[in-house]
Amino acid sequence: MISPELLRRYTFFGTLDDAHLKTIAMLSEEVFIEKGATLFHEGQAADTLYFLIEGSISLYYIAEEKYHPQGHKEFLVGEINPGEIFAISVLIEPYAYTSTARVDRDSRVLKIQAAALREQLDAHHDLGYKLMRQLARAAMERLGAARVLLAGCIEK
């Protein structure tokens, strides 16, 4: 568990009242992750929602040819900066990560337990609505950034 005051510092959690902040805080832990670590892989069951406090995370789509391992290619599809949520697949069925996340710099993140969070959102629809609005906003911003990256690749 973390202090709800930690969440209160970030605009992402700004629409949540004290009870909602406490609920999220009880499901969260703050962890340090070293540069080079992989947090999760594309296709893996999504069991943790992350919020970046400090550091840098890159998201990759990995294309691999089944019978030709030398065909392994990685495509940068997004960058996560402090104050941003990621791994939002934990709240969207089929609850599988859609990218691979790698730590670019030593980082501090909040890890939020996905199954317990889903239970709370089902039980408290007002919390679910507010959190899903914020997640949708984050997803749309990330989609816009991915389009810019894609456009840069096409122009080359």
N, C-alpha and C. Protein backbone atom coordinates (compact mmCIF):
# COMPACT_ATOMS: atom_id res chain seq x y z
N MET A 1 0.85 -1.19 0.00
CA MET A 1 0.00 0.00 0.00
C MET A 1 0.88 1.24 0.00
N ILE A 2 0.42 2.25 -0.70
CA ILE A 2 1.11 3.54 -0.72
C ILE A 2 0.19 4.58 -0.07
N SER A 3 0.70 5.76 0.11
CA SER A 3 -0.11 6.85 0.65
C SER A 3 -0.99 7.43 -0.45
N PRO A 4 -2.26 7.69 -0.17
CA PRO A 4 -3.10 8.37 -1.16
C PRO A 4 -2.53 9.73 -1.56
N GLU A 5 -1.72 10.33 -0.69
CA GLU A 5 -1.11 11.62 -1.00
C GLU A 5 -0.19 11.53 -2.20
N LEU A 6 0.46 10.39 -2.39
CA LEU A 6 1.32 10.20 -3.55
C LEU A 6 0.49 10.31 -4.83
N LEU A 7 -0.68 9.70 -4.86
CA LEU A 7 -1.55 9.75 -6.03
C LEU A 7 -2.07 11.16 -6.28
N ARG A 8 -2.35 11.86 -5.21
CA ARG A 8 -2.92 13.21 -5.30
C ARG A 8 -1.99 14.18 -6.05
N ARG A 9 -0.70 13.89 -6.11
CA ARG A 9 0.28 14.75 -6.77
C ARG A 9 0.13 14.78 -8.29
N TYR A 10 -0.56 13.78 -8.85
CA TYR A 10 -0.58 13.60 -10.30
C TYR A 10 -1.95 13.92 -10.88
N THR A 11 -1.94 14.65 -12.00
CA THR A 11 -3.20 15.06 -12.63
C THR A 11 -4.02 13.86 -13.09
N PHE A 12 -3.37 12.75 -13.42
CA PHE A 12 -4.12 11.57 -13.86
C PHE A 12 -5.17 11.16 -12.82
N PHE A 13 -4.84 11.31 -11.55
CA PHE A 13 -5.73 10.92 -10.47
C PHE A 13 -6.57 12.09 -9.95
N GLY A 14 -6.50 13.24 -10.61
CA GLY A 14 -7.13 14.46 -10.14
C GLY A 14 -8.64 14.43 -10.03
N THR A 15 -9.32 13.57 -10.78
CA THR A 15 -10.79 13.52 -10.73
C THR A 15 -11.30 12.62 -9.60
N LEU A 16 -10.38 11.93 -8.92
CA LEU A 16 -10.79 10.99 -7.89
C LEU A 16 -10.92 11.67 -6.53
N ASP A 17 -11.96 11.29 -5.78
CA ASP A 17 -12.13 11.85 -4.44
C ASP A 17 -11.28 11.07 -3.44
N ASP A 18 -11.32 11.46 -2.18
CA ASP A 18 -10.47 10.84 -1.16
C ASP A 18 -10.70 9.33 -1.03
N ALA A 19 -11.96 8.90 -1.08
CA ALA A 19 -12.26 7.47 -0.97
C ALA A 19 -11.70 6.70 -2.15
N HIS A 20 -11.82 7.27 -3.35
CA HIS A 20 -11.28 6.61 -4.54
C HIS A 20 -9.76 6.53 -4.48
N LEU A 21 -9.13 7.61 -4.05
CA LEU A 21 -7.67 7.61 -3.93
C LEU A 21 -7.20 6.55 -2.94
N LYS A 22 -7.92 6.43 -1.84
CA LYS A 22 -7.57 5.43 -0.84
C LYS A 22 -7.71 4.02 -1.41
N THR A 23 -8.77 3.79 -2.17
CA THR A 23 -8.98 2.49 -2.79
C THR A 23 -7.82 2.13 -3.71
N ILE A 24 -7.44 3.06 -4.58
CA ILE A 24 -6.32 2.81 -5.50
C ILE A 24 -5.02 2.63 -4.73
N ALA A 25 -4.80 3.45 -3.72
CA ALA A 25 -3.58 3.38 -2.92
C ALA A 25 -3.43 2.02 -2.24
N MET A 26 -4.54 1.45 -1.78
CA MET A 26 -4.49 0.16 -1.10
C MET A 26 -4.10 -0.98 -2.05
N LEU A 27 -4.30 -0.78 -3.34
CA LEU A 27 -3.98 -1.81 -4.34
C LEU A 27 -2.62 -1.59 -4.98
N SER A 28 -1.90 -0.56 -4.53
CA SER A 28 -0.67 -0.13 -5.20
C SER A 28 0.56 -0.34 -4.35
N GLU A 29 1.67 -0.50 -5.04
CA GLU A 29 2.97 -0.51 -4.37
C GLU A 29 3.95 0.24 -5.26
N GLU A 30 4.87 0.96 -4.63
CA GLU A 30 5.90 1.69 -5.35
C GLU A 30 7.14 0.81 -5.44
N VAL A 31 7.69 0.67 -6.66
CA VAL A 31 8.87 -0.16 -6.84
C VAL A 31 9.90 0.56 -7.71
N PHE A 32 11.15 0.21 -7.50
CA PHE A 32 12.27 0.71 -8.30
C PHE A 32 12.62 -0.36 -9.31
N ILE A 33 12.84 0.04 -10.57
CA ILE A 33 13.18 -0.91 -11.62
C ILE A 33 14.40 -0.38 -12.37
N GLU A 34 15.39 -1.24 -12.53
CA GLU A 34 16.65 -0.83 -13.16
C GLU A 34 16.55 -0.74 -14.67
N LYS A 35 17.36 0.14 -15.21
CA LYS A 35 17.47 0.31 -16.66
C LYS A 35 17.73 -1.05 -17.31
N GLY A 36 17.05 -1.29 -18.43
CA GLY A 36 17.24 -2.53 -19.18
C GLY A 36 16.24 -3.62 -18.85
N ALA A 37 15.53 -3.49 -17.75
CA ALA A 37 14.55 -4.51 -17.37
C ALA A 37 13.36 -4.49 -18.32
N THR A 38 12.77 -5.65 -18.52
CA THR A 38 11.53 -5.77 -19.28
C THR A 38 10.42 -5.98 -18.28
N LEU A 39 9.41 -5.11 -18.31
CA LEU A 39 8.30 -5.19 -17.35
C LEU A 39 7.28 -6.25 -17.75
N PHE A 40 6.99 -6.31 -19.04
CA PHE A 40 6.04 -7.30 -19.55
C PHE A 40 6.25 -7.46 -21.05
N HIS A 41 5.71 -8.57 -21.57
CA HIS A 41 5.83 -8.88 -22.99
C HIS A 41 4.46 -8.85 -23.65
N GLU A 42 4.46 -8.46 -24.90
CA GLU A 42 3.24 -8.48 -25.71
C GLU A 42 2.63 -9.89 -25.69
N GLY A 43 1.31 -9.95 -25.48
CA GLY A 43 0.61 -11.23 -25.46
C GLY A 43 0.51 -11.86 -24.09
N GLN A 44 1.34 -11.43 -23.16
CA GLN A 44 1.33 -11.95 -21.79
C GLN A 44 0.04 -11.51 -21.09
N ALA A 45 -0.49 -12.34 -20.19
CA ALA A 45 -1.67 -11.97 -19.42
C ALA A 45 -1.39 -10.69 -18.65
N ALA A 46 -2.29 -9.72 -18.77
CA ALA A 46 -2.11 -8.41 -18.14
C ALA A 46 -2.59 -8.49 -16.69
N ASP A 47 -1.65 -8.46 -15.77
CA ASP A 47 -1.99 -8.59 -14.36
C ASP A 47 -1.63 -7.38 -13.51
N THR A 48 -0.95 -6.39 -14.12
CA THR A 48 -0.52 -5.21 -13.39
C THR A 48 -0.70 -3.96 -14.24
N LEU A 49 -1.33 -2.95 -13.64
CA LEU A 49 -1.41 -1.63 -14.24
C LEU A 49 -0.24 -0.82 -13.68
N TYR A 50 0.43 -0.05 -14.51
CA TYR A 50 1.61 0.71 -14.08
C TYR A 50 1.38 2.21 -14.22
N PHE A 51 2.02 2.96 -13.33
CA PHE A 51 2.04 4.41 -13.40
C PHE A 51 3.48 4.83 -13.19
N LEU A 52 4.04 5.58 -14.14
CA LEU A 52 5.45 5.97 -14.05
C LEU A 52 5.61 7.23 -13.19
N ILE A 53 6.37 7.11 -12.12
CA ILE A 53 6.66 8.23 -11.23
C ILE A 53 7.93 8.95 -11.69
N GLU A 54 8.95 8.16 -12.02
CA GLU A 54 10.24 8.72 -12.38
C GLU A 54 10.93 7.76 -13.33
N GLY A 55 11.60 8.29 -14.36
CA GLY A 55 12.34 7.44 -15.29
C GLY A 55 11.76 7.51 -16.68
N SER A 56 11.95 6.43 -17.42
CA SER A 56 11.50 6.39 -18.81
C SER A 56 11.27 4.94 -19.23
N ILE A 57 10.16 4.71 -19.91
CA ILE A 57 9.78 3.38 -20.39
C ILE A 57 9.48 3.48 -21.87
N SER A 58 9.92 2.50 -22.65
CA SER A 58 9.58 2.43 -24.07
C SER A 58 8.71 1.21 -24.31
N LEU A 59 7.75 1.37 -25.23
CA LEU A 59 6.85 0.29 -25.61
C LEU A 59 7.21 -0.16 -27.02
N TYR A 60 7.28 -1.47 -27.22
CA TYR A 60 7.67 -2.04 -28.50
C TYR A 60 6.65 -3.06 -28.99
N TYR A 61 6.50 -3.09 -30.30
CA TYR A 61 5.79 -4.18 -30.96
C TYR A 61 6.89 -5.05 -31.54
N ILE A 62 6.83 -6.35 -31.27
CA ILE A 62 7.88 -7.25 -31.74
C ILE A 62 7.30 -8.17 -32.80
N ALA A 63 7.91 -8.10 -33.98
CA ALA A 63 7.50 -8.96 -35.09
C ALA A 63 8.53 -10.07 -35.21
N GLU A 64 8.05 -11.29 -35.21
CA GLU A 64 8.95 -12.43 -35.26
C GLU A 64 8.40 -13.46 -36.23
N GLU A 65 9.25 -13.92 -37.11
CA GLU A 65 8.84 -14.97 -38.03
C GLU A 65 9.04 -16.31 -37.33
N LYS A 66 8.00 -17.10 -37.30
CA LYS A 66 8.00 -18.36 -36.55
C LYS A 66 9.15 -19.28 -36.96
N TYR A 67 9.39 -19.42 -38.25
CA TYR A 67 10.38 -20.38 -38.72
C TYR A 67 11.72 -19.74 -39.08
N HIS A 68 11.80 -18.42 -38.90
CA HIS A 68 13.04 -17.70 -39.21
C HIS A 68 13.36 -16.73 -38.08
N PRO A 69 14.00 -17.23 -37.00
CA PRO A 69 14.29 -16.37 -35.85
C PRO A 69 15.09 -15.12 -36.20
N GLN A 70 15.87 -15.16 -37.29
CA GLN A 70 16.61 -13.98 -37.69
C GLN A 70 15.67 -12.88 -38.18
N GLY A 71 14.40 -13.20 -38.36
CA GLY A 71 13.41 -12.23 -38.78
C GLY A 71 12.85 -11.42 -37.63
N HIS A 72 13.44 -11.52 -36.46
CA HIS A 72 13.01 -10.79 -35.26
C HIS A 72 13.25 -9.29 -35.45
N LYS A 73 12.17 -8.50 -35.36
CA LYS A 73 12.29 -7.05 -35.48
C LYS A 73 11.48 -6.39 -34.38
N GLU A 74 12.01 -5.30 -33.87
CA GLU A 74 11.30 -4.53 -32.84
C GLU A 74 10.97 -3.16 -33.38
N PHE A 75 9.74 -2.73 -33.12
CA PHE A 75 9.29 -1.42 -33.56
C PHE A 75 8.85 -0.61 -32.35
N LEU A 76 9.46 0.55 -32.17
CA LEU A 76 9.07 1.44 -31.09
C LEU A 76 7.66 1.96 -31.39
N VAL A 77 6.74 1.76 -30.45
CA VAL A 77 5.35 2.22 -30.66
C VAL A 77 4.92 3.26 -29.63
N GLY A 78 5.77 3.54 -28.66
CA GLY A 78 5.41 4.55 -27.67
C GLY A 78 6.47 4.73 -26.61
N GLU A 79 6.43 5.91 -26.00
CA GLU A 79 7.33 6.22 -24.90
C GLU A 79 6.49 6.73 -23.74
N ILE A 80 6.80 6.25 -22.55
CA ILE A 80 6.07 6.63 -21.36
C ILE A 80 6.95 7.58 -20.55
N ASN A 81 6.35 8.69 -20.14
CA ASN A 81 7.05 9.70 -19.36
C ASN A 81 6.46 9.76 -17.96
N PRO A 82 7.20 10.35 -17.01
CA PRO A 82 6.67 10.47 -15.65
C PRO A 82 5.28 11.13 -15.64
N GLY A 83 4.41 10.56 -14.81
CA GLY A 83 3.05 11.06 -14.70
C GLY A 83 2.07 10.37 -15.64
N GLU A 84 2.54 9.33 -16.34
CA GLU A 84 1.68 8.63 -17.29
C GLU A 84 1.41 7.20 -16.83
N ILE A 85 0.19 6.77 -17.15
CA ILE A 85 -0.24 5.40 -16.87
C ILE A 85 0.11 4.54 -18.07
N PHE A 86 0.39 3.27 -17.86
CA PHE A 86 0.59 2.37 -18.99
C PHE A 86 0.21 0.95 -18.60
N ALA A 87 0.12 0.10 -19.60
CA ALA A 87 -0.38 -1.27 -19.44
C ALA A 87 -1.89 -1.25 -19.20
N ILE A 88 -2.57 -0.36 -19.93
CA ILE A 88 -4.01 -0.19 -19.71
C ILE A 88 -4.82 -1.40 -20.18
N SER A 89 -4.16 -2.34 -20.82
CA SER A 89 -4.83 -3.58 -21.23
C SER A 89 -5.39 -4.36 -20.04
N VAL A 90 -4.94 -4.04 -18.84
CA VAL A 90 -5.44 -4.74 -17.66
C VAL A 90 -6.93 -4.48 -17.44
N LEU A 91 -7.45 -3.41 -18.05
CA LEU A 91 -8.87 -3.08 -17.88
C LEU A 91 -9.68 -3.27 -19.16
N ILE A 92 -9.06 -3.84 -20.18
CA ILE A 92 -9.73 -4.04 -21.46
C ILE A 92 -9.58 -5.51 -21.86
N GLU A 93 -10.71 -6.20 -22.02
CA GLU A 93 -10.64 -7.60 -22.41
C GLU A 93 -9.97 -7.73 -23.76
N PRO A 94 -9.17 -8.73 -23.97
CA PRO A 94 -9.03 -9.98 -23.22
C PRO A 94 -7.96 -9.94 -22.13
N TYR A 95 -7.62 -8.76 -21.62
CA TYR A 95 -6.65 -8.59 -20.54
C TYR A 95 -5.28 -9.19 -20.89
N ALA A 96 -4.76 -8.78 -22.04
CA ALA A 96 -3.42 -9.20 -22.48
C ALA A 96 -2.66 -7.94 -22.90
N TYR A 97 -1.38 -7.89 -22.55
CA TYR A 97 -0.57 -6.73 -22.93
C TYR A 97 -0.44 -6.67 -24.45
N THR A 98 -0.50 -5.47 -25.00
CA THR A 98 -0.45 -5.29 -26.46
C THR A 98 0.91 -4.82 -26.95
N SER A 99 1.86 -4.71 -26.04
CA SER A 99 3.22 -4.33 -26.41
C SER A 99 4.18 -4.90 -25.37
N THR A 100 5.45 -4.73 -25.63
CA THR A 100 6.50 -5.11 -24.68
C THR A 100 7.05 -3.82 -24.08
N ALA A 101 7.19 -3.78 -22.76
CA ALA A 101 7.66 -2.57 -22.08
C ALA A 101 9.07 -2.79 -21.55
N ARG A 102 9.97 -1.87 -21.94
CA ARG A 102 11.35 -1.93 -21.50
C ARG A 102 11.74 -0.63 -20.81
N VAL A 103 12.51 -0.75 -19.74
CA VAL A 103 12.93 0.40 -18.93
C VAL A 103 14.17 1.03 -19.57
N ASP A 104 14.05 2.32 -19.96
CA ASP A 104 15.15 3.03 -20.61
C ASP A 104 16.13 3.65 -19.62
N ARG A 105 15.62 4.07 -18.47
CA ARG A 105 16.43 4.66 -17.40
C ARG A 105 15.93 4.05 -16.08
N ASP A 106 16.78 4.01 -15.08
CA ASP A 106 16.32 3.58 -13.77
C ASP A 106 15.01 4.31 -13.48
N SER A 107 14.01 3.58 -13.01
CA SER A 107 12.67 4.15 -12.88
C SER A 107 12.00 3.74 -11.58
N ARG A 108 11.07 4.58 -11.18
CA ARG A 108 10.17 4.27 -10.07
C ARG A 108 8.77 4.22 -10.65
N VAL A 109 8.06 3.14 -10.34
CA VAL A 109 6.70 2.98 -10.85
C VAL A 109 5.77 2.58 -9.72
N LEU A 110 4.50 2.86 -9.94
CA LEU A 110 3.46 2.28 -9.10
C LEU A 110 2.95 1.06 -9.83
N LYS A 111 2.87 -0.04 -9.10
CA LYS A 111 2.27 -1.26 -9.63
C LYS A 111 0.90 -1.40 -8.96
N ILE A 112 -0.14 -1.51 -9.78
CA ILE A 112 -1.51 -1.61 -9.27
C ILE A 112 -2.06 -2.98 -9.67
N GLN A 113 -2.50 -3.74 -8.68
CA GLN A 113 -3.00 -5.09 -8.90
C GLN A 113 -4.25 -5.07 -9.78
N ALA A 114 -4.16 -5.70 -10.94
CA ALA A 114 -5.24 -5.63 -11.93
C ALA A 114 -6.53 -6.31 -11.49
N ALA A 115 -6.46 -7.54 -11.02
CA ALA A 115 -7.69 -8.27 -10.66
C ALA A 115 -8.43 -7.55 -9.54
N ALA A 116 -7.70 -7.11 -8.54
CA ALA A 116 -8.33 -6.39 -7.43
C ALA A 116 -8.90 -5.05 -7.90
N LEU A 117 -8.20 -4.39 -8.81
CA LEU A 117 -8.69 -3.12 -9.35
C LEU A 117 -9.99 -3.34 -10.12
N ARG A 118 -10.04 -4.38 -10.95
CA ARG A 118 -11.27 -4.68 -11.70
C ARG A 118 -12.44 -4.95 -10.76
N GLU A 119 -12.18 -5.66 -9.67
CA GLU A 119 -13.24 -5.91 -8.68
C GLU A 119 -13.77 -4.60 -8.09
N GLN A 120 -12.85 -3.69 -7.77
CA GLN A 120 -13.26 -2.40 -7.20
C GLN A 120 -14.06 -1.58 -8.21
N LEU A 121 -13.65 -1.61 -9.46
CA LEU A 121 -14.36 -0.85 -10.49
C LEU A 121 -15.76 -1.41 -10.73
N ASP A 122 -15.88 -2.74 -10.63
CA ASP A 122 -17.20 -3.36 -10.76
C ASP A 122 -18.10 -3.00 -9.58
N ALA A 123 -17.52 -2.91 -8.41
CA ALA A 123 -18.29 -2.61 -7.19
C ALA A 123 -18.61 -1.13 -7.05
N HIS A 124 -17.76 -0.27 -7.57
CA HIS A 124 -17.92 1.18 -7.42
C HIS A 124 -17.91 1.83 -8.80
N HIS A 125 -19.07 1.88 -9.40
CA HIS A 125 -19.18 2.35 -10.78
C HIS A 125 -18.71 3.79 -10.96
N ASP A 126 -18.87 4.61 -9.96
CA ASP A 126 -18.38 5.99 -10.08
C ASP A 126 -16.86 6.02 -10.22
N LEU A 127 -16.17 5.20 -9.45
CA LEU A 127 -14.72 5.09 -9.57
C LEU A 127 -14.37 4.53 -10.95
N GLY A 128 -15.09 3.51 -11.38
CA GLY A 128 -14.84 2.91 -12.69
C GLY A 128 -15.00 3.92 -13.81
N TYR A 129 -16.06 4.71 -13.74
CA TYR A 129 -16.31 5.71 -14.78
C TYR A 129 -15.18 6.74 -14.83
N LYS A 130 -14.81 7.26 -13.68
CA LYS A 130 -13.76 8.29 -13.64
C LYS A 130 -12.42 7.74 -14.12
N LEU A 131 -12.07 6.54 -13.68
CA LEU A 131 -10.80 5.96 -14.07
C LEU A 131 -10.79 5.60 -15.56
N MET A 132 -11.89 5.06 -16.06
CA MET A 132 -11.94 4.70 -17.48
C MET A 132 -11.89 5.94 -18.38
N ARG A 133 -12.46 7.05 -17.93
CA ARG A 133 -12.34 8.29 -18.71
C ARG A 133 -10.87 8.71 -18.83
N GLN A 134 -10.14 8.62 -17.72
CA GLN A 134 -8.73 8.98 -17.74
C GLN A 134 -7.93 8.01 -18.61
N LEU A 135 -8.26 6.72 -18.52
CA LEU A 135 -7.56 5.72 -19.33
C LEU A 135 -7.84 5.94 -20.81
N ALA A 136 -9.08 6.27 -21.16
CA ALA A 136 -9.43 6.54 -22.55
C ALA A 136 -8.65 7.75 -23.07
N ARG A 137 -8.53 8.76 -22.27
CA ARG A 137 -7.76 9.95 -22.65
C ARG A 137 -6.30 9.56 -22.90
N ALA A 138 -5.74 8.77 -22.00
CA ALA A 138 -4.34 8.32 -22.16
C ALA A 138 -4.19 7.48 -23.43
N ALA A 139 -5.15 6.61 -23.70
CA ALA A 139 -5.09 5.76 -24.89
C ALA A 139 -5.15 6.60 -26.16
N MET A 140 -5.99 7.61 -26.18
CA MET A 140 -6.09 8.47 -27.36
C MET A 140 -4.81 9.28 -27.58
N GLU A 141 -4.20 9.75 -26.50
CA GLU A 141 -2.93 10.46 -26.63
C GLU A 141 -1.85 9.53 -27.16
N ARG A 142 -1.82 8.30 -26.66
CA ARG A 142 -0.83 7.33 -27.10
C ARG A 142 -1.06 6.95 -28.56
N LEU A 143 -2.32 6.84 -28.97
CA LEU A 143 -2.64 6.55 -30.36
C LEU A 143 -2.15 7.67 -31.27
N GLY A 144 -2.34 8.91 -30.84
CA GLY A 144 -1.85 10.05 -31.62
C GLY A 144 -0.34 10.01 -31.76
N ALA A 145 0.35 9.70 -30.68
CA ALA A 145 1.82 9.61 -30.72
C ALA A 145 2.27 8.47 -31.63
N ALA A 146 1.57 7.35 -31.60
CA ALA A 146 1.91 6.21 -32.46
C ALA A 146 1.72 6.58 -33.93
N ARG A 147 0.69 7.37 -34.23
CA ARG A 147 0.47 7.80 -35.61
C ARG A 147 1.63 8.68 -36.09
N VAL A 148 2.13 9.53 -35.22
CA VAL A 148 3.28 10.38 -35.58
C VAL A 148 4.50 9.50 -35.86
N LEU A 149 4.74 8.51 -35.00
CA LEU A 149 5.87 7.60 -35.23
C LEU A 149 5.71 6.86 -36.56
N LEU A 150 4.51 6.38 -36.83
CA LEU A 150 4.24 5.65 -38.07
C LEU A 150 4.44 6.55 -39.28
N ALA A 151 3.96 7.78 -39.20
CA ALA A 151 4.13 8.71 -40.32
C ALA A 151 5.60 8.96 -40.58
N GLY A 152 6.42 9.03 -39.53
CA GLY A 152 7.86 9.23 -39.69
C GLY A 152 8.51 8.04 -40.39
N CYS A 153 8.02 6.84 -40.13
CA CYS A 153 8.57 5.64 -40.76
C CYS A 153 8.20 5.59 -42.24
N ILE A 154 7.00 6.03 -42.57
CA ILE A 154 6.53 5.97 -43.94
C ILE A 154 7.29 6.96 -44.81
N GLU A 155 7.64 8.11 -44.26
CA GLU A 155 8.32 9.15 -45.03
C GLU A 155 9.75 8.77 -45.38
N LYS A 156 10.34 7.83 -44.66
CA LYS A 156 11.77 7.49 -44.88
C LYS A 156 11.97 6.73 -46.16
